[in-house]
Amino acid sequence: MDSRTPRKIVILGGGTAGWMLAASLTKVFNTRQTSVRLIESGEIGIVGVGESTLPQVRDFNQFLGLDEVEFMRETNATFKLAIEFRDWARKGDVYFHPFGTHGHPIEGVPFFQCWLRAKAHGHHFNIDDFSYPSVASREQKFEFPSEDLTSIRSTYSYAYHFDAYLYAKYLRRWSEKRGLKRTEGTVVDVTLHPENGYIKSLTLASGEVVKGDIFIDCSGFRALLIGEALKVGWEDWADWLPCDRAWAISCGLDDEYFATTRCTAREAGWQWRIPLQNRIGTGYVFSSRFTTEERAREVLMENLDGPAIGDPRLIRFRSGRRKTSWYKNCISLGLASGFLEPLESTSIYMSQIAVNFLMRLFPEQEIDPALAEEYNRLVDIEYTRVRDFLVLHYHASGERTGDLWKHVQTMTLPDSLSDKMEIFRRRGHIHRYKDGLFSPASWIAVYTGQRISPGGYDPQADNISLDTMLKTMTDLRDHIASNVATMPGHYDFVRDYTHSKGAAHV
């Protein structure tokens, strides 16, 4: 095939995953290199619960060159500094998973080891008090991180709460302005090459036959290409992550935007609360093995933060991943590739990181098996690491009662998680990934928030005078508190920023 012939890329399915990829391809490749066509049907519903993000989405928006103010207006976005967990280890507990660090090293000793030594000597500091974004979240404050890296106000990042449906529409408009071709249609047949089993073409309900070199499956849980046509299997993780349903609804909000996603443990799962500018997105993730759909609906409706908008919508899912995300000339993204419940707001991240990998390894017309192998390796690592982190929340649920919680407290863990927990329980050491999601600060937040304590601490912490260490910790806690006290309220900041006429913050 002539190498000068543009690659024909066909994306099946829009939604967040499809339009993030479409926008990326439109940004990177010109029409002489690549012809991109996205096929989606307005008749097919979207899951639409991915309204909470991680700070990495800012990198994606900046890569595209999106204006932050415009983006926030178009998607009803608010800012996010942390995830707030309630009632996970025991009723009444509250802790934050912040987008930032806890403290800073004291005389070269990691802060967490100093915190453990202080605790061993009877000084029970709340570790959230040493996290700038945690304190700001608790006080409902927000401002952009300082660019002065010596300032305590530079020790955090931020993400967004936004309407994922509106975000996909926003990316669609952005991509179409740059020449992307969108086709409204439903696929009724997939034709494979008889010689090699590659996808040759898609037949639409209109009768049009769409040919391509590379097909991207963003068709959601149905996985029309990677699953139905190419028969790539699914690796089920229901034994570790047994929740398989969610009731979702919106409710009204007062003049208040919280800078956190709230996750509250319930009798057979957990409830999310995501504040947008115009409403609160909320829902109850639960396991049908341990409760009924009717009872779950009752629990959700009894725990709304405002008047209901419409009726709750039931979403069925299964946790796991595709055994192979890139197979032959088909690459799956989003829900077609895998699903992990949104306990840590990872759904959009998983689509984004897959897009990043794909852009780095994007094939020519002829598929290089080495590229596919590397892509699958990287995607598998991401899914496994996120899975382990989610399982930790369930397994470390302490004193919670009920059939679901008894199951997750006593279940056999993945070896990869068991090893991490064993190392932590000794001296509080946490494996630092070279790449990938969840830094040691993330693991520390969940371990300490859910009452998992190491049996000791690193002896290097004993090299510091206890009085000096305690004074440094107290001064740091007070310094954070005094700085947060001067920050504007999150609601006022969002209102003023999104209604400003100035340039977006970069």
Protein backbone atom coordinates (compact mmCIF):
# COMPACT_ATOMS: atom_id res chain seq x y z
CA MET A 1 0.00 0.00 0.00
CA ASP A 2 1.28 3.49 -0.86
CA SER A 3 2.62 5.00 2.35
CA ARG A 4 1.35 8.39 1.19
CA THR A 5 -2.25 7.19 1.25
CA PRO A 6 -4.00 8.61 4.33
CA ARG A 7 -4.81 6.06 6.99
CA LYS A 8 -8.53 5.53 7.28
CA ILE A 9 -9.49 5.58 10.95
CA VAL A 10 -13.05 4.64 11.88
CA ILE A 11 -14.24 5.33 15.44
CA LEU A 12 -17.43 3.53 16.41
CA GLY A 13 -19.21 5.36 19.19
CA GLY A 14 -19.00 8.85 20.60
CA GLY A 15 -19.33 9.52 24.30
CA THR A 16 -16.37 10.77 26.30
CA ALA A 17 -13.93 8.09 25.09
CA GLY A 18 -14.80 8.44 21.42
CA TRP A 19 -14.63 12.20 21.33
CA MET A 20 -11.43 12.41 23.41
CA LEU A 21 -9.78 10.19 20.83
CA ALA A 22 -11.33 12.03 17.90
CA ALA A 23 -10.12 15.36 19.26
CA SER A 24 -6.61 13.98 19.81
CA LEU A 25 -6.37 12.57 16.29
CA THR A 26 -7.66 15.83 14.85
CA LYS A 27 -5.09 17.75 16.88
CA VAL A 28 -2.07 15.60 15.97
CA PHE A 29 -2.63 14.39 12.40
CA ASN A 30 -3.46 16.40 9.31
CA THR A 31 -5.83 15.17 6.63
CA ARG A 32 -2.92 14.15 4.38
CA GLN A 33 -1.81 11.68 7.05
CA THR A 34 -5.06 10.44 8.49
CA SER A 35 -8.73 10.38 7.58
CA VAL A 36 -10.83 10.19 10.75
CA ARG A 37 -14.50 9.30 10.74
CA LEU A 38 -16.66 8.87 13.83
CA ILE A 39 -19.91 6.94 13.67
CA GLU A 40 -22.46 7.28 16.45
CA SER A 41 -26.18 7.03 16.90
CA GLY A 42 -28.28 9.42 18.89
CA GLU A 43 -30.69 6.52 19.48
CA ILE A 44 -28.13 4.67 21.63
CA GLY A 45 -27.98 5.89 25.20
CA ILE A 46 -24.80 6.72 27.07
CA VAL A 47 -23.86 5.73 30.61
CA GLY A 48 -23.18 9.35 31.54
CA VAL A 49 -22.09 8.96 35.18
CA GLY A 50 -18.49 10.01 34.66
CA GLU A 51 -18.83 13.54 36.01
CA SER A 52 -15.87 13.47 38.40
CA THR A 53 -12.30 13.61 37.18
CA LEU A 54 -8.65 13.49 38.21
CA PRO A 55 -6.09 16.28 37.64
CA GLN A 56 -4.78 14.54 34.52
CA VAL A 57 -7.81 15.77 32.58
CA ARG A 58 -6.35 19.26 32.83
CA ASP A 59 -3.31 18.00 30.92
CA PHE A 60 -5.61 16.72 28.18
CA ASN A 61 -7.51 20.00 27.92
CA GLN A 62 -4.24 21.93 27.78
CA PHE A 63 -2.91 19.56 25.11
CA LEU A 64 -5.90 20.47 22.95
CA GLY A 65 -5.54 24.14 23.84
CA LEU A 66 -9.02 24.46 25.34
CA ASP A 67 -9.91 27.67 27.11
CA GLU A 68 -10.61 26.75 30.74
CA VAL A 69 -13.30 29.38 31.29
CA GLU A 70 -15.13 28.40 28.11
CA PHE A 71 -14.81 24.71 28.96
CA MET A 72 -16.24 25.26 32.43
CA ARG A 73 -19.14 27.30 31.10
CA GLU A 74 -19.96 24.76 28.42
CA THR A 75 -19.93 21.78 30.80
CA ASN A 76 -21.31 23.36 34.02
CA ALA A 77 -18.00 22.52 35.67
CA THR A 78 -16.81 23.18 39.21
CA PHE A 79 -13.37 22.61 40.69
CA LYS A 80 -12.29 19.54 42.63
CA LEU A 81 -9.50 19.27 45.19
CA ALA A 82 -10.10 15.85 46.71
CA ILE A 83 -12.41 12.89 47.17
CA GLU A 84 -14.20 12.80 50.51
CA PHE A 85 -14.94 9.38 52.01
CA ARG A 86 -17.56 8.96 54.71
CA ASP A 87 -18.40 5.97 56.93
CA TRP A 88 -15.96 3.54 55.24
CA ALA A 89 -14.13 2.08 58.23
CA ARG A 90 -16.83 2.87 60.74
CA LYS A 91 -19.91 5.06 60.98
CA GLY A 92 -19.00 8.73 61.43
CA ASP A 93 -15.50 8.52 59.93
CA VAL A 94 -14.54 11.16 57.35
CA TYR A 95 -11.28 11.37 55.44
CA PHE A 96 -9.98 12.94 52.24
CA HIS A 97 -8.01 11.55 49.32
CA PRO A 98 -6.38 14.85 48.28
CA PHE A 99 -4.77 15.94 45.04
CA GLY A 100 -1.58 16.81 46.85
CA THR A 101 0.93 15.73 49.46
CA HIS A 102 0.79 15.28 53.22
CA GLY A 103 3.40 17.52 54.80
CA HIS A 104 7.01 17.62 53.66
CA PRO A 105 10.17 15.78 54.74
CA ILE A 106 11.60 16.81 58.09
CA GLU A 107 15.41 16.81 58.11
CA GLY A 108 15.30 14.49 55.12
CA VAL A 109 12.91 11.99 56.73
CA PRO A 110 9.63 11.32 54.86
CA PHE A 111 6.78 13.14 56.56
CA PHE A 112 4.63 10.04 56.94
CA GLN A 113 7.38 8.31 58.94
CA CYS A 114 7.50 11.33 61.24
CA TRP A 115 3.72 11.17 61.59
CA LEU A 116 3.98 7.48 62.53
CA ARG A 117 6.63 8.20 65.14
CA ALA A 118 4.52 10.99 66.63
CA LYS A 119 1.58 8.60 66.81
CA ALA A 120 3.72 5.95 68.49
CA HIS A 121 4.51 8.52 71.20
CA GLY A 122 0.84 9.33 71.79
CA HIS A 123 0.48 12.37 69.52
CA HIS A 124 -2.53 11.59 67.35
CA PHE A 125 -2.46 14.26 64.67
CA ASN A 126 -5.14 14.14 61.98
CA ILE A 127 -3.10 13.57 58.83
CA ASP A 128 -5.64 15.56 56.78
CA ASP A 129 -4.51 18.66 58.69
CA PHE A 130 -1.14 18.41 56.90
CA SER A 131 -2.67 18.33 53.42
CA TYR A 132 -3.42 21.75 51.94
CA PRO A 133 -6.17 20.51 49.58
CA SER A 134 -7.78 18.44 52.35
CA VAL A 135 -8.06 21.44 54.66
CA ALA A 136 -9.31 23.64 51.80
CA SER A 137 -11.90 21.00 50.91
CA ARG A 138 -13.09 20.78 54.49
CA GLU A 139 -13.47 24.56 54.61
CA GLN A 140 -15.05 24.72 51.10
CA LYS A 141 -12.33 27.04 49.81
CA PHE A 142 -10.54 27.22 46.46
CA GLU A 143 -7.85 29.10 44.58
CA PHE A 144 -5.39 28.11 41.88
CA PRO A 145 -2.13 26.55 43.08
CA SER A 146 0.78 28.96 43.42
CA GLU A 147 3.50 28.88 40.79
CA ASP A 148 6.04 29.55 43.55
CA LEU A 149 7.28 26.03 44.30
CA THR A 150 8.58 27.15 47.71
CA SER A 151 5.08 28.09 48.83
CA ILE A 152 2.77 25.78 50.75
CA ARG A 153 0.12 26.92 48.26
CA SER A 154 1.93 25.03 45.47
CA THR A 155 1.57 21.60 47.07
CA TYR A 156 -1.64 20.55 45.35
CA SER A 157 -3.39 20.22 42.03
CA TYR A 158 -7.03 20.26 41.02
CA ALA A 159 -9.50 18.55 38.74
CA TYR A 160 -13.12 19.18 37.75
CA HIS A 161 -16.66 18.05 38.24
CA PHE A 162 -18.42 18.38 34.91
CA ASP A 163 -21.28 17.03 32.85
CA ALA A 164 -19.69 14.23 30.80
CA TYR A 165 -22.44 14.39 28.18
CA LEU A 166 -21.85 18.10 27.65
CA TYR A 167 -18.09 17.50 27.59
CA ALA A 168 -18.48 15.00 24.74
CA LYS A 169 -20.64 17.51 22.84
CA TYR A 170 -18.04 20.22 23.46
CA LEU A 171 -15.25 18.02 22.07
CA ARG A 172 -17.46 17.13 19.12
CA ARG A 173 -17.90 20.79 18.17
CA TRP A 174 -14.17 21.39 18.65
CA SER A 175 -13.27 18.41 16.43
CA GLU A 176 -15.80 19.13 13.68
CA LYS A 177 -14.47 22.69 13.37
CA ARG A 178 -11.12 21.10 12.54
CA GLY A 179 -12.44 18.84 9.85
CA LEU A 180 -13.48 15.65 11.59
CA LYS A 181 -16.28 13.81 9.78
CA ARG A 182 -19.12 12.55 11.99
CA THR A 183 -21.74 10.13 10.69
CA GLU A 184 -25.08 9.57 12.38
CA GLY A 185 -25.85 5.89 12.02
CA THR A 186 -26.23 2.45 13.52
CA VAL A 187 -24.00 -0.49 12.59
CA VAL A 188 -25.97 -3.53 11.47
CA ASP A 189 -23.11 -5.72 10.21
CA VAL A 190 -19.36 -6.11 10.57
CA THR A 191 -17.42 -7.70 7.70
CA LEU A 192 -14.11 -9.43 8.38
CA HIS A 193 -11.33 -10.16 5.91
CA PRO A 194 -11.53 -13.90 5.16
CA GLU A 195 -7.73 -14.22 5.00
CA ASN A 196 -6.63 -12.66 8.28
CA GLY A 197 -9.79 -11.98 10.31
CA TYR A 198 -9.19 -8.21 10.37
CA ILE A 199 -12.19 -5.90 10.25
CA LYS A 200 -12.80 -4.91 6.65
CA SER A 201 -15.89 -2.72 6.85
CA LEU A 202 -18.98 -1.71 8.78
CA THR A 203 -22.44 -1.69 7.24
CA LEU A 204 -24.81 0.98 8.51
CA ALA A 205 -28.59 0.79 8.72
CA SER A 206 -28.68 3.27 5.85
CA GLY A 207 -26.95 0.67 3.66
CA GLU A 208 -23.66 2.56 3.50
CA VAL A 209 -20.52 0.42 3.77
CA VAL A 210 -17.70 2.11 5.70
CA LYS A 211 -14.22 0.76 5.05
CA GLY A 212 -11.16 1.48 7.14
CA ASP A 213 -7.60 0.53 8.00
CA ILE A 214 -7.96 0.84 11.77
CA PHE A 215 -11.18 0.56 13.76
CA ILE A 216 -11.57 2.00 17.26
CA ASP A 217 -14.31 0.42 19.35
CA CYS A 218 -15.92 3.01 21.62
CA SER A 219 -19.32 1.30 21.53
CA GLY A 220 -19.58 1.00 25.31
CA PHE A 221 -20.46 -2.15 27.23
CA ARG A 222 -21.80 -3.75 24.06
CA ALA A 223 -18.28 -3.84 22.55
CA LEU A 224 -19.71 -4.40 19.09
CA LEU A 225 -16.35 -4.75 17.36
CA ILE A 226 -13.85 -6.11 19.88
CA GLY A 227 -16.36 -8.35 21.66
CA GLU A 228 -19.18 -9.33 19.32
CA ALA A 229 -17.32 -9.33 15.99
CA LEU A 230 -13.80 -10.37 17.03
CA LYS A 231 -14.82 -12.51 20.03
CA VAL A 232 -12.18 -11.13 22.39
CA GLY A 233 -13.05 -12.35 25.89
CA TRP A 234 -13.66 -10.50 29.14
CA GLU A 235 -11.70 -10.91 32.37
CA ASP A 236 -14.26 -10.67 35.16
CA TRP A 237 -13.29 -9.10 38.49
CA ALA A 238 -16.65 -9.47 40.23
CA ASP A 239 -15.16 -11.59 43.03
CA TRP A 240 -13.08 -8.59 44.12
CA LEU A 241 -15.43 -5.83 43.02
CA PRO A 242 -18.93 -7.29 43.42
CA CYS A 243 -20.94 -4.10 42.77
CA ASP A 244 -22.73 -4.45 39.44
CA ARG A 245 -25.56 -1.90 39.49
CA ALA A 246 -26.07 1.80 40.04
CA TRP A 247 -29.11 3.99 40.43
CA ALA A 248 -28.30 7.50 39.14
CA ILE A 249 -30.27 10.72 39.53
CA SER A 250 -29.78 14.47 39.68
CA CYS A 251 -31.03 16.77 42.40
CA GLY A 252 -31.16 20.47 43.01
CA LEU A 253 -28.49 22.37 44.90
CA ASP A 254 -28.31 25.50 47.01
CA ASP A 255 -25.84 28.34 46.47
CA GLU A 256 -22.95 26.08 47.39
CA TYR A 257 -20.43 24.10 45.34
CA PHE A 258 -18.32 21.57 47.17
CA ALA A 259 -14.74 21.15 45.96
CA THR A 260 -14.90 17.41 46.60
CA THR A 261 -16.57 14.32 45.25
CA ARG A 262 -18.25 12.64 48.20
CA CYS A 263 -18.36 8.84 48.48
CA THR A 264 -20.48 7.57 51.36
CA ALA A 265 -20.56 3.89 52.28
CA ARG A 266 -24.09 2.43 52.35
CA GLU A 267 -25.53 -0.94 53.37
CA ALA A 268 -24.68 -2.73 50.10
CA GLY A 269 -22.36 -0.33 48.31
CA TRP A 270 -21.72 3.42 48.26
CA GLN A 271 -23.29 6.68 47.15
CA TRP A 272 -21.59 9.43 45.16
CA ARG A 273 -22.29 13.16 45.26
CA ILE A 274 -20.87 15.36 42.49
CA PRO A 275 -21.71 19.10 42.54
CA LEU A 276 -22.02 20.88 39.20
CA GLN A 277 -22.93 24.52 38.67
CA ASN A 278 -26.57 23.71 37.97
CA ARG A 279 -27.27 20.49 39.88
CA ILE A 280 -25.88 17.68 41.99
CA GLY A 281 -25.18 14.38 40.28
CA THR A 282 -25.71 11.52 42.69
CA GLY A 283 -26.15 7.78 42.61
CA TYR A 284 -25.89 4.54 44.54
CA VAL A 285 -23.46 1.86 43.39
CA PHE A 286 -24.51 -1.51 44.80
CA SER A 287 -24.21 -5.25 44.43
CA SER A 288 -27.26 -7.19 43.27
CA ARG A 289 -25.85 -10.22 45.11
CA PHE A 290 -26.37 -8.50 48.44
CA THR A 291 -29.46 -6.33 47.98
CA THR A 292 -32.37 -5.83 45.61
CA GLU A 293 -32.78 -3.12 43.03
CA GLU A 294 -35.90 -1.95 44.84
CA ARG A 295 -34.12 -1.62 48.19
CA ALA A 296 -31.16 0.15 46.57
CA ARG A 297 -33.51 2.66 44.98
CA GLU A 298 -35.07 3.35 48.37
CA VAL A 299 -31.66 3.93 49.96
CA LEU A 300 -30.72 6.42 47.26
CA MET A 301 -33.97 8.37 47.42
CA GLU A 302 -33.75 8.56 51.21
CA ASN A 303 -30.30 10.17 51.03
CA LEU A 304 -30.56 12.92 48.42
CA ASP A 305 -28.95 16.32 49.09
CA GLY A 306 -31.76 18.23 47.41
CA PRO A 307 -35.06 17.81 45.58
CA ALA A 308 -34.97 15.07 42.93
CA ILE A 309 -34.82 16.08 39.28
CA GLY A 310 -36.63 13.38 37.35
CA ASP A 311 -36.59 9.69 38.21
CA PRO A 312 -33.55 7.53 39.01
CA ARG A 313 -32.03 5.57 36.14
CA LEU A 314 -30.70 2.04 36.57
CA ILE A 315 -27.30 1.21 35.10
CA ARG A 316 -26.01 -2.35 34.93
CA PHE A 317 -22.29 -3.03 34.60
CA ARG A 318 -19.59 -5.54 35.38
CA SER A 319 -16.12 -4.81 36.67
CA GLY A 320 -13.24 -6.18 34.65
CA ARG A 321 -11.31 -5.64 31.46
CA ARG A 322 -11.03 -6.94 27.95
CA LYS A 323 -8.46 -9.74 27.80
CA THR A 324 -6.88 -7.96 24.84
CA SER A 325 -7.60 -4.27 24.23
CA TRP A 326 -5.84 -4.12 20.85
CA TYR A 327 -6.57 -7.13 18.66
CA LYS A 328 -5.77 -7.28 14.95
CA ASN A 329 -6.79 -3.89 13.50
CA CYS A 330 -9.29 -3.11 16.28
CA ILE A 331 -8.50 -1.09 19.41
CA SER A 332 -11.03 -0.81 22.21
CA LEU A 333 -11.38 2.30 24.36
CA GLY A 334 -13.61 3.26 27.26
CA LEU A 335 -16.26 0.82 28.40
CA ALA A 336 -15.55 -1.50 25.47
CA SER A 337 -12.07 -1.99 26.92
CA GLY A 338 -12.94 -2.29 30.60
CA PHE A 339 -14.87 -0.87 33.51
CA LEU A 340 -13.99 -0.14 37.12
CA GLU A 341 -16.64 1.49 39.26
CA PRO A 342 -16.09 5.25 39.73
CA LEU A 343 -15.10 5.05 43.40
CA GLU A 344 -11.85 6.94 42.68
CA SER A 345 -13.08 8.92 39.67
CA THR A 346 -10.96 6.88 37.27
CA SER A 347 -13.41 6.28 34.41
CA ILE A 348 -12.45 9.28 32.30
CA TYR A 349 -8.81 8.86 33.28
CA MET A 350 -8.78 5.32 31.90
CA SER A 351 -10.04 6.60 28.56
CA GLN A 352 -7.55 9.44 28.61
CA ILE A 353 -4.51 7.28 29.40
CA ALA A 354 -5.52 4.78 26.71
CA VAL A 355 -5.71 7.67 24.22
CA ASN A 356 -2.24 8.77 25.35
CA PHE A 357 -0.82 5.28 24.83
CA LEU A 358 -2.50 5.00 21.46
CA MET A 359 -1.20 8.34 20.23
CA ARG A 360 2.30 7.26 21.21
CA LEU A 361 2.01 3.86 19.50
CA PHE A 362 -0.33 4.72 16.65
CA PRO A 363 0.00 2.23 13.78
CA GLU A 364 0.43 2.72 10.07
CA GLN A 365 -1.89 0.90 7.68
CA GLU A 366 0.08 -2.27 8.38
CA ILE A 367 -0.31 -3.29 12.01
CA ASP A 368 2.97 -3.87 13.87
CA PRO A 369 2.36 -6.64 16.45
CA ALA A 370 5.02 -5.12 18.70
CA LEU A 371 3.02 -1.91 19.02
CA ALA A 372 -0.14 -3.83 19.87
CA GLU A 373 1.72 -5.89 22.47
CA GLU A 374 3.15 -2.79 24.15
CA TYR A 375 -0.22 -1.04 24.14
CA ASN A 376 -1.90 -4.04 25.76
CA ARG A 377 0.86 -4.27 28.37
CA LEU A 378 0.49 -0.62 29.36
CA VAL A 379 -3.31 -0.74 29.48
CA ASP A 380 -3.26 -3.93 31.57
CA ILE A 381 -0.91 -2.31 34.10
CA GLU A 382 -3.24 0.67 34.50
CA TYR A 383 -6.33 -1.49 35.00
CA THR A 384 -4.59 -3.76 37.52
CA ARG A 385 -3.27 -0.88 39.60
CA VAL A 386 -6.61 0.89 39.73
CA ARG A 387 -8.35 -2.41 40.55
CA ASP A 388 -6.05 -3.00 43.52
CA PHE A 389 -6.61 0.50 44.84
CA LEU A 390 -10.39 0.11 44.66
CA VAL A 391 -10.29 -3.31 46.29
CA LEU A 392 -8.31 -1.80 49.17
CA HIS A 393 -11.23 0.52 50.00
CA TYR A 394 -13.62 -2.41 50.28
CA HIS A 395 -11.31 -4.80 52.08
CA ALA A 396 -10.27 -2.20 54.66
CA SER A 397 -13.85 -1.46 55.64
CA GLY A 398 -13.19 -2.23 59.29
CA GLU A 399 -16.33 -2.32 61.39
CA ARG A 400 -18.93 -2.07 58.65
CA THR A 401 -21.58 -4.78 58.84
CA GLY A 402 -23.79 -6.37 56.23
CA ASP A 403 -23.40 -9.21 53.76
CA LEU A 404 -21.47 -7.20 51.16
CA TRP A 405 -19.02 -5.87 53.70
CA LYS A 406 -18.48 -9.26 55.31
CA HIS A 407 -17.68 -10.64 51.87
CA VAL A 408 -15.09 -8.00 50.96
CA GLN A 409 -13.51 -8.01 54.42
CA THR A 410 -12.80 -11.75 54.24
CA MET A 411 -12.24 -12.34 50.51
CA THR A 412 -8.94 -13.54 49.09
CA LEU A 413 -7.09 -10.54 47.69
CA PRO A 414 -5.10 -10.26 44.46
CA ASP A 415 -1.47 -11.12 45.19
CA SER A 416 -0.40 -7.72 43.93
CA LEU A 417 -2.50 -6.02 46.64
CA SER A 418 -1.63 -8.49 49.41
CA ASP A 419 2.06 -7.79 48.89
CA LYS A 420 1.54 -4.02 49.08
CA MET A 421 -0.51 -4.29 52.28
CA GLU A 422 2.03 -6.57 53.95
CA ILE A 423 4.86 -4.13 53.28
CA PHE A 424 2.79 -1.23 54.59
CA ARG A 425 1.77 -3.03 57.77
CA ARG A 426 5.40 -3.44 58.79
CA ARG A 427 6.78 0.08 58.66
CA GLY A 428 4.44 2.13 56.52
CA HIS A 429 6.47 1.82 53.35
CA ILE A 430 4.62 2.24 50.06
CA HIS A 431 5.78 1.11 46.65
CA ARG A 432 6.34 4.10 44.38
CA TYR A 433 5.34 3.48 40.78
CA LYS A 434 7.69 4.71 38.09
CA ASP A 435 4.64 5.42 35.92
CA GLY A 436 0.92 5.21 36.36
CA LEU A 437 -1.76 6.42 38.71
CA PHE A 438 -1.88 6.83 42.51
CA SER A 439 1.17 8.16 44.27
CA PRO A 440 2.19 7.17 47.82
CA ALA A 441 0.08 10.09 49.10
CA SER A 442 -3.03 8.41 47.67
CA TRP A 443 -2.30 5.10 49.38
CA ILE A 444 -1.47 6.87 52.66
CA ALA A 445 -4.83 8.66 52.54
CA VAL A 446 -6.81 5.43 52.22
CA TYR A 447 -4.69 3.37 54.62
CA THR A 448 -4.88 5.95 57.39
CA GLY A 449 -8.43 7.02 56.60
CA GLN A 450 -9.62 3.43 56.92
CA ARG A 451 -7.64 2.71 60.08
CA ILE A 452 -4.90 0.44 58.75
CA SER A 453 -1.85 1.18 60.89
CA PRO A 454 1.71 -0.10 60.46
CA GLY A 455 3.27 -2.01 63.32
CA GLY A 456 6.25 0.34 63.37
CA TYR A 457 8.02 3.14 61.56
CA ASP A 458 11.31 3.68 59.78
CA PRO A 459 14.14 3.98 62.38
CA GLN A 460 15.56 7.00 60.55
CA ALA A 461 12.74 9.02 62.13
CA ASP A 462 14.43 8.48 65.51
CA ASN A 463 17.39 10.58 64.33
CA ILE A 464 15.27 13.70 64.80
CA SER A 465 14.67 15.22 68.21
CA LEU A 466 11.07 14.42 69.14
CA ASP A 467 10.49 17.97 70.37
CA THR A 468 11.87 19.40 67.11
CA MET A 469 9.77 17.06 65.05
CA LEU A 470 6.55 17.84 66.94
CA LYS A 471 7.16 21.60 66.73
CA THR A 472 7.81 21.38 62.98
CA MET A 473 4.61 19.39 62.49
CA THR A 474 2.55 21.77 64.62
CA ASP A 475 3.93 24.81 62.80
CA LEU A 476 3.15 23.24 59.45
CA ARG A 477 -0.42 22.39 60.48
CA ASP A 478 -0.98 25.95 61.69
CA HIS A 479 0.62 27.44 58.58
CA ILE A 480 -1.74 25.48 56.32
CA ALA A 481 -4.77 26.46 58.40
CA SER A 482 -3.88 30.16 58.34
CA ASN A 483 -3.31 30.14 54.56
CA VAL A 484 -6.57 28.33 53.87
CA ALA A 485 -8.42 30.86 56.02
CA THR A 486 -7.51 33.61 53.53
CA MET A 487 -8.73 31.70 50.45
CA PRO A 488 -12.02 32.62 48.75
CA GLY A 489 -14.98 30.28 49.03
CA HIS A 490 -15.28 27.73 46.30
CA TYR A 491 -18.76 28.83 45.25
CA ASP A 492 -17.72 32.47 44.94
CA PHE A 493 -14.55 31.56 43.06
CA VAL A 494 -16.38 29.42 40.49
CA ARG A 495 -19.10 32.03 40.00
CA ASP A 496 -16.64 34.88 39.52
CA TYR A 497 -14.23 32.89 37.34
CA THR A 498 -16.75 31.40 34.95
CA HIS A 499 -18.48 34.76 34.50
CA SER A 500 -15.23 36.65 33.92
CA LYS A 501 -14.26 37.89 30.48
CA GLY A 502 -10.54 37.43 31.00
CA ALA A 503 -8.30 34.75 29.58
CA ALA A 504 -8.35 31.26 31.01
CA HIS A 505 -5.97 30.26 33.77
CA VAL A 506 -3.09 28.14 32.41
